[in-house]
Full PDB file with SEQRES, HELIX, SHEET, SSBOND, CRYST1, ORIGX, SCALE, CONECT and MASTER records, all heavy atoms in Angstrom:
SEQRES   1 A   36  GLN GLY LEU ASN PHE PRO ALA HIS PHE ILE ILE ILE PRO          
SEQRES   2 A   36  LEU PRO HIS ALA PRO THR ILE PRO SER MET GLY SER PRO          
SEQRES   3 A   36  SER ASP PRO ASN SER ASP ALA SER ARG ALA                      
HELIX    1 AA1 PRO A   21  MET A   23  5                                   3    
HELIX    2 AA2 ASP A   32  ARG A   35  1                                   4    
CRYST1    1.000    1.000    1.000  90.00  90.00  90.00 P 1           1          
ORIGX1      1.000000  0.000000  0.000000        0.00000                         
ORIGX2      0.000000  1.000000  0.000000        0.00000                         
ORIGX3      0.000000  0.000000  1.000000        0.00000                         
SCALE1      1.000000  0.000000  0.000000        0.00000                         
SCALE2      0.000000  1.000000  0.000000        0.00000                         
SCALE3      0.000000  0.000000  1.000000        0.00000                         
ATOM      1  N   GLN A   1      22.197  -8.466  15.872  1.00  0.00           N  
ATOM      2  CA  GLN A   1      22.417  -7.512  14.758  1.00  0.00           C  
ATOM      3  C   GLN A   1      21.889  -6.131  15.092  1.00  0.00           C  
ATOM      4  O   GLN A   1      21.821  -5.252  14.236  1.00  0.00           O  
ATOM      5  CB  GLN A   1      21.657  -8.021  13.505  1.00  0.00           C  
ATOM      6  CG  GLN A   1      22.351  -9.177  12.830  1.00  0.00           C  
ATOM      7  CD  GLN A   1      21.735 -10.490  13.273  1.00  0.00           C  
ATOM      8  OE1 GLN A   1      20.955 -10.563  14.181  1.00  0.00           O  
ATOM      9  NE2 GLN A   1      22.148 -11.604  12.538  1.00  0.00           N  
ATOM     10  N   GLY A   2      21.380  -5.987  16.400  1.00  0.00           N  
ATOM     11  CA  GLY A   2      21.054  -4.625  16.815  1.00  0.00           C  
ATOM     12  C   GLY A   2      19.553  -4.396  16.874  1.00  0.00           C  
ATOM     13  O   GLY A   2      19.164  -3.204  17.100  1.00  0.00           O  
ATOM     14  N   LEU A   3      18.708  -5.305  16.620  1.00  0.00           N  
ATOM     15  CA  LEU A   3      17.242  -5.080  16.555  1.00  0.00           C  
ATOM     16  C   LEU A   3      16.666  -5.783  17.806  1.00  0.00           C  
ATOM     17  O   LEU A   3      16.847  -7.001  17.919  1.00  0.00           O  
ATOM     18  CB  LEU A   3      16.578  -5.598  15.355  1.00  0.00           C  
ATOM     19  CG  LEU A   3      17.096  -4.987  13.952  1.00  0.00           C  
ATOM     20  CD1 LEU A   3      16.230  -5.526  12.823  1.00  0.00           C  
ATOM     21  CD2 LEU A   3      17.057  -3.513  14.053  1.00  0.00           C  
ATOM     22  N   ASN A   4      15.887  -5.123  18.586  1.00  0.00           N  
ATOM     23  CA  ASN A   4      15.225  -5.722  19.711  1.00  0.00           C  
ATOM     24  C   ASN A   4      13.724  -5.895  19.574  1.00  0.00           C  
ATOM     25  O   ASN A   4      12.936  -5.841  20.506  1.00  0.00           O  
ATOM     26  CB  ASN A   4      15.476  -4.884  20.990  1.00  0.00           C  
ATOM     27  CG  ASN A   4      14.801  -3.398  20.847  1.00  0.00           C  
ATOM     28  OD1 ASN A   4      14.537  -3.003  19.772  1.00  0.00           O  
ATOM     29  ND2 ASN A   4      14.732  -2.775  21.964  1.00  0.00           N  
ATOM     30  N   PHE A   5      13.307  -6.144  18.218  1.00  0.00           N  
ATOM     31  CA  PHE A   5      11.924  -6.369  17.898  1.00  0.00           C  
ATOM     32  C   PHE A   5      11.938  -7.399  16.726  1.00  0.00           C  
ATOM     33  O   PHE A   5      13.017  -7.500  16.051  1.00  0.00           O  
ATOM     34  CB  PHE A   5      11.117  -5.099  17.607  1.00  0.00           C  
ATOM     35  CG  PHE A   5      11.928  -4.266  16.654  1.00  0.00           C  
ATOM     36  CD1 PHE A   5      11.900  -4.365  15.250  1.00  0.00           C  
ATOM     37  CD2 PHE A   5      12.716  -3.149  17.124  1.00  0.00           C  
ATOM     38  CE1 PHE A   5      12.562  -3.572  14.344  1.00  0.00           C  
ATOM     39  CE2 PHE A   5      13.410  -2.358  16.232  1.00  0.00           C  
ATOM     40  CZ  PHE A   5      13.364  -2.575  14.870  1.00  0.00           C  
ATOM     41  N   PRO A   6      10.825  -8.053  16.497  1.00  0.00           N  
ATOM     42  CA  PRO A   6      10.826  -9.136  15.476  1.00  0.00           C  
ATOM     43  C   PRO A   6      11.217  -8.715  14.069  1.00  0.00           C  
ATOM     44  O   PRO A   6      11.607  -9.578  13.268  1.00  0.00           O  
ATOM     45  CB  PRO A   6       9.468  -9.713  15.532  1.00  0.00           C  
ATOM     46  CG  PRO A   6       8.962  -9.413  16.955  1.00  0.00           C  
ATOM     47  CD  PRO A   6       9.567  -8.077  17.235  1.00  0.00           C  
ATOM     48  N   ALA A   7      10.953  -7.484  13.697  1.00  0.00           N  
ATOM     49  CA  ALA A   7      11.251  -6.975  12.343  1.00  0.00           C  
ATOM     50  C   ALA A   7      10.443  -7.706  11.304  1.00  0.00           C  
ATOM     51  O   ALA A   7      10.861  -8.152  10.211  1.00  0.00           O  
ATOM     52  CB  ALA A   7      12.764  -7.015  11.946  1.00  0.00           C  
ATOM     53  N   HIS A   8       9.057  -7.926  11.575  1.00  0.00           N  
ATOM     54  CA  HIS A   8       8.177  -8.513  10.692  1.00  0.00           C  
ATOM     55  C   HIS A   8       6.990  -7.507  10.601  1.00  0.00           C  
ATOM     56  O   HIS A   8       6.319  -7.277  11.573  1.00  0.00           O  
ATOM     57  CB  HIS A   8       7.653  -9.886  11.137  1.00  0.00           C  
ATOM     58  CG  HIS A   8       6.721 -10.565  10.164  1.00  0.00           C  
ATOM     59  ND1 HIS A   8       6.219 -11.796  10.436  1.00  0.00           N  
ATOM     60  CD2 HIS A   8       6.182 -10.146   8.982  1.00  0.00           C  
ATOM     61  CE1 HIS A   8       5.474 -12.133   9.370  1.00  0.00           C  
ATOM     62  NE2 HIS A   8       5.423 -11.126   8.595  1.00  0.00           N  
ATOM     63  N   PHE A   9       6.839  -6.868   9.479  1.00  0.00           N  
ATOM     64  CA  PHE A   9       5.821  -5.801   9.325  1.00  0.00           C  
ATOM     65  C   PHE A   9       4.914  -6.036   8.252  1.00  0.00           C  
ATOM     66  O   PHE A   9       5.143  -6.844   7.279  1.00  0.00           O  
ATOM     67  CB  PHE A   9       6.594  -4.482   9.024  1.00  0.00           C  
ATOM     68  CG  PHE A   9       7.744  -4.114   9.961  1.00  0.00           C  
ATOM     69  CD1 PHE A   9       9.076  -4.393   9.642  1.00  0.00           C  
ATOM     70  CD2 PHE A   9       7.361  -3.714  11.290  1.00  0.00           C  
ATOM     71  CE1 PHE A   9      10.070  -4.156  10.557  1.00  0.00           C  
ATOM     72  CE2 PHE A   9       8.407  -3.495  12.224  1.00  0.00           C  
ATOM     73  CZ  PHE A   9       9.805  -3.696  11.846  1.00  0.00           C  
ATOM     74  N   ILE A  10       3.710  -5.287   8.327  1.00  0.00           N  
ATOM     75  CA  ILE A  10       2.785  -5.362   7.190  1.00  0.00           C  
ATOM     76  C   ILE A  10       2.564  -3.938   6.757  1.00  0.00           C  
ATOM     77  O   ILE A  10       2.254  -3.037   7.577  1.00  0.00           O  
ATOM     78  CB  ILE A  10       1.452  -6.048   7.620  1.00  0.00           C  
ATOM     79  CG1 ILE A  10       1.745  -7.435   8.132  1.00  0.00           C  
ATOM     80  CG2 ILE A  10       0.459  -6.106   6.479  1.00  0.00           C  
ATOM     81  CD1 ILE A  10       0.489  -8.204   8.519  1.00  0.00           C  
ATOM     82  N   ILE A  11       2.660  -3.678   5.504  1.00  0.00           N  
ATOM     83  CA  ILE A  11       2.368  -2.329   4.901  1.00  0.00           C  
ATOM     84  C   ILE A  11       0.971  -2.491   4.189  1.00  0.00           C  
ATOM     85  O   ILE A  11       0.742  -3.323   3.353  1.00  0.00           O  
ATOM     86  CB  ILE A  11       3.468  -1.968   3.838  1.00  0.00           C  
ATOM     87  CG1 ILE A  11       4.751  -1.919   4.516  1.00  0.00           C  
ATOM     88  CG2 ILE A  11       3.159  -0.581   3.259  1.00  0.00           C  
ATOM     89  CD1 ILE A  11       5.946  -1.827   3.479  1.00  0.00           C  
ATOM     90  N   ILE A  12       0.036  -1.637   4.562  1.00  0.00           N  
ATOM     91  CA  ILE A  12      -1.355  -1.725   4.254  1.00  0.00           C  
ATOM     92  C   ILE A  12      -1.911  -0.487   3.630  1.00  0.00           C  
ATOM     93  O   ILE A  12      -1.822   0.571   4.201  1.00  0.00           O  
ATOM     94  CB  ILE A  12      -2.215  -2.103   5.468  1.00  0.00           C  
ATOM     95  CG1 ILE A  12      -1.669  -3.397   6.132  1.00  0.00           C  
ATOM     96  CG2 ILE A  12      -3.712  -2.343   5.065  1.00  0.00           C  
ATOM     97  CD1 ILE A  12      -2.219  -3.622   7.506  1.00  0.00           C  
ATOM     98  N   PRO A  13      -2.543  -0.551   2.437  1.00  0.00           N  
ATOM     99  CA  PRO A  13      -3.139   0.688   1.915  1.00  0.00           C  
ATOM    100  C   PRO A  13      -4.504   0.959   2.658  1.00  0.00           C  
ATOM    101  O   PRO A  13      -5.144   0.044   3.016  1.00  0.00           O  
ATOM    102  CB  PRO A  13      -3.400   0.286   0.420  1.00  0.00           C  
ATOM    103  CG  PRO A  13      -3.615  -1.236   0.460  1.00  0.00           C  
ATOM    104  CD  PRO A  13      -2.659  -1.733   1.519  1.00  0.00           C  
ATOM    105  N   LEU A  14      -4.840   2.211   2.758  1.00  0.00           N  
ATOM    106  CA  LEU A  14      -6.014   2.592   3.444  1.00  0.00           C  
ATOM    107  C   LEU A  14      -7.246   2.183   2.593  1.00  0.00           C  
ATOM    108  O   LEU A  14      -8.265   1.731   3.199  1.00  0.00           O  
ATOM    109  CB  LEU A  14      -6.101   4.030   3.786  1.00  0.00           C  
ATOM    110  CG  LEU A  14      -5.071   4.522   4.765  1.00  0.00           C  
ATOM    111  CD1 LEU A  14      -5.280   6.035   4.977  1.00  0.00           C  
ATOM    112  CD2 LEU A  14      -5.109   3.796   6.062  1.00  0.00           C  
ATOM    113  N   PRO A  15      -7.309   2.358   1.308  1.00  0.00           N  
ATOM    114  CA  PRO A  15      -8.506   1.955   0.530  1.00  0.00           C  
ATOM    115  C   PRO A  15      -8.654   0.449   0.677  1.00  0.00           C  
ATOM    116  O   PRO A  15      -7.819  -0.399   0.620  1.00  0.00           O  
ATOM    117  CB  PRO A  15      -8.210   2.322  -0.869  1.00  0.00           C  
ATOM    118  CG  PRO A  15      -7.190   3.429  -0.804  1.00  0.00           C  
ATOM    119  CD  PRO A  15      -6.354   3.032   0.366  1.00  0.00           C  
ATOM    120  N   HIS A  16     -10.054   0.019   0.718  1.00  0.00           N  
ATOM    121  CA  HIS A  16     -10.405  -1.331   0.800  1.00  0.00           C  
ATOM    122  C   HIS A  16     -10.516  -1.888  -0.615  1.00  0.00           C  
ATOM    123  O   HIS A  16     -11.553  -1.675  -1.265  1.00  0.00           O  
ATOM    124  CB  HIS A  16     -11.747  -1.462   1.542  1.00  0.00           C  
ATOM    125  CG  HIS A  16     -12.215  -2.857   1.793  1.00  0.00           C  
ATOM    126  ND1 HIS A  16     -11.612  -3.850   2.503  1.00  0.00           N  
ATOM    127  CD2 HIS A  16     -13.316  -3.504   1.223  1.00  0.00           C  
ATOM    128  CE1 HIS A  16     -12.313  -4.989   2.477  1.00  0.00           C  
ATOM    129  NE2 HIS A  16     -13.254  -4.820   1.625  1.00  0.00           N  
ATOM    130  N   ALA A  17      -9.498  -2.663  -1.017  1.00  0.00           N  
ATOM    131  CA  ALA A  17      -9.533  -3.148  -2.419  1.00  0.00           C  
ATOM    132  C   ALA A  17      -8.637  -4.389  -2.536  1.00  0.00           C  
ATOM    133  O   ALA A  17      -7.707  -4.663  -1.750  1.00  0.00           O  
ATOM    134  CB  ALA A  17      -8.996  -2.055  -3.391  1.00  0.00           C  
ATOM    135  N   PRO A  18      -8.913  -5.369  -3.367  1.00  0.00           N  
ATOM    136  CA  PRO A  18      -8.198  -6.613  -3.494  1.00  0.00           C  
ATOM    137  C   PRO A  18      -6.797  -6.414  -4.116  1.00  0.00           C  
ATOM    138  O   PRO A  18      -5.887  -7.213  -3.850  1.00  0.00           O  
ATOM    139  CB  PRO A  18      -9.096  -7.478  -4.323  1.00  0.00           C  
ATOM    140  CG  PRO A  18      -9.851  -6.549  -5.235  1.00  0.00           C  
ATOM    141  CD  PRO A  18     -10.112  -5.342  -4.373  1.00  0.00           C  
ATOM    142  N   THR A  19      -6.675  -5.468  -4.973  1.00  0.00           N  
ATOM    143  CA  THR A  19      -5.378  -5.176  -5.620  1.00  0.00           C  
ATOM    144  C   THR A  19      -5.117  -3.710  -5.662  1.00  0.00           C  
ATOM    145  O   THR A  19      -6.093  -2.968  -5.555  1.00  0.00           O  
ATOM    146  CB  THR A  19      -5.251  -5.771  -7.067  1.00  0.00           C  
ATOM    147  OG1 THR A  19      -6.179  -4.997  -7.900  1.00  0.00           O  
ATOM    148  CG2 THR A  19      -5.616  -7.264  -7.075  1.00  0.00           C  
ATOM    149  N   ILE A  20      -3.917  -3.279  -5.859  1.00  0.00           N  
ATOM    150  CA  ILE A  20      -3.687  -1.877  -5.947  1.00  0.00           C  
ATOM    151  C   ILE A  20      -4.264  -1.243  -7.214  1.00  0.00           C  
ATOM    152  O   ILE A  20      -4.919  -0.145  -7.127  1.00  0.00           O  
ATOM    153  CB  ILE A  20      -2.179  -1.530  -5.757  1.00  0.00           C  
ATOM    154  CG1 ILE A  20      -1.667  -1.980  -4.367  1.00  0.00           C  
ATOM    155  CG2 ILE A  20      -1.853  -0.019  -6.087  1.00  0.00           C  
ATOM    156  CD1 ILE A  20      -0.188  -1.814  -4.165  1.00  0.00           C  
ATOM    157  N   PRO A  21      -4.071  -1.845  -8.408  1.00  0.00           N  
ATOM    158  CA  PRO A  21      -4.676  -1.231  -9.601  1.00  0.00           C  
ATOM    159  C   PRO A  21      -6.161  -1.117  -9.516  1.00  0.00           C  
ATOM    160  O   PRO A  21      -6.744  -0.246 -10.140  1.00  0.00           O  
ATOM    161  CB  PRO A  21      -4.274  -2.190 -10.749  1.00  0.00           C  
ATOM    162  CG  PRO A  21      -2.904  -2.859 -10.209  1.00  0.00           C  
ATOM    163  CD  PRO A  21      -3.170  -2.964  -8.763  1.00  0.00           C  
ATOM    164  N   SER A  22      -6.855  -2.033  -8.688  1.00  0.00           N  
ATOM    165  CA  SER A  22      -8.374  -1.872  -8.612  1.00  0.00           C  
ATOM    166  C   SER A  22      -8.806  -0.706  -7.823  1.00  0.00           C  
ATOM    167  O   SER A  22     -10.008  -0.456  -7.758  1.00  0.00           O  
ATOM    168  CB  SER A  22      -8.865  -3.245  -7.998  1.00  0.00           C  
ATOM    169  OG  SER A  22      -8.528  -3.355  -6.607  1.00  0.00           O  
ATOM    170  N   MET A  23      -7.946  -0.002  -7.099  1.00  0.00           N  
ATOM    171  CA  MET A  23      -8.379   1.176  -6.307  1.00  0.00           C  
ATOM    172  C   MET A  23      -8.734   2.391  -7.226  1.00  0.00           C  
ATOM    173  O   MET A  23      -9.417   3.341  -6.685  1.00  0.00           O  
ATOM    174  CB  MET A  23      -7.179   1.583  -5.361  1.00  0.00           C  
ATOM    175  CG  MET A  23      -6.782   0.534  -4.375  1.00  0.00           C  
ATOM    176  SD  MET A  23      -5.378   1.119  -3.405  1.00  0.00           S  
ATOM    177  CE  MET A  23      -4.953  -0.405  -2.592  1.00  0.00           C  
ATOM    178  N   GLY A  24      -8.240   2.432  -8.402  1.00  0.00           N  
ATOM    179  CA  GLY A  24      -8.607   3.571  -9.239  1.00  0.00           C  
ATOM    180  C   GLY A  24      -7.722   3.504 -10.496  1.00  0.00           C  
ATOM    181  O   GLY A  24      -6.911   2.572 -10.688  1.00  0.00           O  
ATOM    182  N   SER A  25      -7.838   4.430 -11.363  1.00  0.00           N  
ATOM    183  CA  SER A  25      -7.093   4.524 -12.627  1.00  0.00           C  
ATOM    184  C   SER A  25      -5.666   4.487 -12.430  1.00  0.00           C  
ATOM    185  O   SER A  25      -5.116   5.367 -11.818  1.00  0.00           O  
ATOM    186  CB  SER A  25      -7.485   5.798 -13.392  1.00  0.00           C  
ATOM    187  OG  SER A  25      -6.615   5.928 -14.532  1.00  0.00           O  
ATOM    188  N   PRO A  26      -4.976   3.399 -12.982  1.00  0.00           N  
ATOM    189  CA  PRO A  26      -3.493   3.318 -12.789  1.00  0.00           C  
ATOM    190  C   PRO A  26      -2.758   4.457 -13.422  1.00  0.00           C  
ATOM    191  O   PRO A  26      -1.609   4.769 -13.051  1.00  0.00           O  
ATOM    192  CB  PRO A  26      -3.155   1.965 -13.412  1.00  0.00           C  
ATOM    193  CG  PRO A  26      -4.493   1.212 -13.341  1.00  0.00           C  
ATOM    194  CD  PRO A  26      -5.560   2.242 -13.577  1.00  0.00           C  
ATOM    195  N   SER A  27      -3.366   4.989 -14.452  1.00  0.00           N  
ATOM    196  CA  SER A  27      -2.711   6.077 -15.195  1.00  0.00           C  
ATOM    197  C   SER A  27      -2.883   7.499 -14.603  1.00  0.00           C  
ATOM    198  O   SER A  27      -2.196   8.416 -15.008  1.00  0.00           O  
ATOM    199  CB  SER A  27      -3.093   6.139 -16.670  1.00  0.00           C  
ATOM    200  OG  SER A  27      -4.507   6.321 -16.703  1.00  0.00           O  
ATOM    201  N   ASP A  28      -3.770   7.583 -13.610  1.00  0.00           N  
ATOM    202  CA  ASP A  28      -4.078   8.834 -12.901  1.00  0.00           C  
ATOM    203  C   ASP A  28      -3.165   9.059 -11.762  1.00  0.00           C  
ATOM    204  O   ASP A  28      -3.297   8.297 -10.817  1.00  0.00           O  
ATOM    205  CB  ASP A  28      -5.560   8.957 -12.538  1.00  0.00           C  
ATOM    206  CG  ASP A  28      -5.904  10.280 -11.902  1.00  0.00           C  
ATOM    207  OD1 ASP A  28      -4.966  11.159 -11.777  1.00  0.00           O  
ATOM    208  OD2 ASP A  28      -7.053  10.454 -11.514  1.00  0.00           O  
ATOM    209  N   PRO A  29      -2.223  10.011 -11.774  1.00  0.00           N  
ATOM    210  CA  PRO A  29      -1.320  10.176 -10.588  1.00  0.00           C  
ATOM    211  C   PRO A  29      -2.041  10.604  -9.324  1.00  0.00           C  
ATOM    212  O   PRO A  29      -1.436  10.478  -8.241  1.00  0.00           O  
ATOM    213  CB  PRO A  29      -0.366  11.178 -11.127  1.00  0.00           C  
ATOM    214  CG  PRO A  29      -1.014  11.915 -12.188  1.00  0.00           C  
ATOM    215  CD  PRO A  29      -1.955  10.999 -12.853  1.00  0.00           C  
ATOM    216  N   ASN A  30      -3.231  11.029  -9.490  1.00  0.00           N  
ATOM    217  CA  ASN A  30      -3.943  11.512  -8.207  1.00  0.00           C  
ATOM    218  C   ASN A  30      -5.012  10.412  -7.757  1.00  0.00           C  
ATOM    219  O   ASN A  30      -5.770  10.771  -6.819  1.00  0.00           O  
ATOM    220  CB  ASN A  30      -4.651  12.827  -8.528  1.00  0.00           C  
ATOM    221  CG  ASN A  30      -3.694  13.957  -8.762  1.00  0.00           C  
ATOM    222  OD1 ASN A  30      -2.712  14.103  -8.046  1.00  0.00           O  
ATOM    223  ND2 ASN A  30      -3.894  14.701  -9.795  1.00  0.00           N  
ATOM    224  N   SER A  31      -5.038   9.324  -8.413  1.00  0.00           N  
ATOM    225  CA  SER A  31      -5.952   8.246  -8.036  1.00  0.00           C  
ATOM    226  C   SER A  31      -5.596   7.616  -6.691  1.00  0.00           C  
ATOM    227  O   SER A  31      -4.401   7.710  -6.281  1.00  0.00           O  
ATOM    228  CB  SER A  31      -6.155   7.208  -9.138  1.00  0.00           C  
ATOM    229  OG  SER A  31      -4.911   6.411  -9.209  1.00  0.00           O  
ATOM    230  N   ASP A  32      -6.512   6.996  -6.058  1.00  0.00           N  
ATOM    231  CA  ASP A  32      -6.241   6.275  -4.777  1.00  0.00           C  
ATOM    232  C   ASP A  32      -5.040   5.237  -5.039  1.00  0.00           C  
ATOM    233  O   ASP A  32      -4.203   5.069  -4.199  1.00  0.00           O  
ATOM    234  CB  ASP A  32      -7.489   5.536  -4.174  1.00  0.00           C  
ATOM    235  CG  ASP A  32      -8.482   6.502  -3.628  1.00  0.00           C  
ATOM    236  OD1 ASP A  32      -8.095   7.661  -3.403  1.00  0.00           O  
ATOM    237  OD2 ASP A  32      -9.617   6.047  -3.317  1.00  0.00           O  
ATOM    238  N   ALA A  33      -5.165   4.597  -6.209  1.00  0.00           N  
ATOM    239  CA  ALA A  33      -4.174   3.558  -6.536  1.00  0.00           C  
ATOM    240  C   ALA A  33      -2.782   4.122  -6.587  1.00  0.00           C  
ATOM    241  O   ALA A  33      -1.849   3.669  -5.890  1.00  0.00           O  
ATOM    242  CB  ALA A  33      -4.528   2.883  -7.878  1.00  0.00           C  
ATOM    243  N   SER A  34      -2.638   5.215  -7.287  1.00  0.00           N  
ATOM    244  CA  SER A  34      -1.320   5.856  -7.463  1.00  0.00           C  
ATOM    245  C   SER A  34      -0.760   6.384  -6.199  1.00  0.00           C  
ATOM    246  O   SER A  34       0.395   6.207  -5.814  1.00  0.00           O  
ATOM    247  CB  SER A  34      -1.386   7.024  -8.513  1.00  0.00           C  
ATOM    248  OG  SER A  34      -1.801   6.486  -9.803  1.00  0.00           O  
ATOM    249  N   ARG A  35      -1.641   7.029  -5.342  1.00  0.00           N  
ATOM    250  CA  ARG A  35      -1.145   7.616  -4.124  1.00  0.00           C  
ATOM    251  C   ARG A  35      -0.761   6.472  -3.111  1.00  0.00           C  
ATOM    252  O   ARG A  35       0.260   6.613  -2.442  1.00  0.00           O  
ATOM    253  CB  ARG A  35      -2.206   8.538  -3.549  1.00  0.00           C  
ATOM    254  CG  ARG A  35      -2.569   9.781  -4.332  1.00  0.00           C  
ATOM    255  CD  ARG A  35      -3.230  10.784  -3.507  1.00  0.00           C  
ATOM    256  NE  ARG A  35      -4.396  10.225  -2.792  1.00  0.00           N  
ATOM    257  CZ  ARG A  35      -5.623  10.141  -3.287  1.00  0.00           C  
ATOM    258  NH1 ARG A  35      -5.933  10.653  -4.491  1.00  0.00           N  
ATOM    259  NH2 ARG A  35      -6.598   9.587  -2.592  1.00  0.00           N  
ATOM    260  N   ALA A  36      -1.653   5.482  -3.045  1.00  0.00           N  
ATOM    261  CA  ALA A  36      -1.368   4.422  -2.122  1.00  0.00           C  
ATOM    262  C   ALA A  36      -0.044   3.606  -2.476  1.00  0.00           C  
ATOM    263  O   ALA A  36       0.782   3.358  -1.630  1.00  0.00           O  
ATOM    264  CB  ALA A  36      -2.464   3.484  -2.044  1.00  0.00           C  
TER     265      ALA A  36                                                      
MASTER        0    0    0    2    0    0    0    6  264    1    0    3          
END                                                                             
């Protein structure tokens, strides 16, 4: 199909947190959670 690599990736947020909402205020567009 035209790919010469496994095509298995991991997307990782930089902040160290168990969930995305736990990184900061979910309602704040400038929080770590929103940006990540």
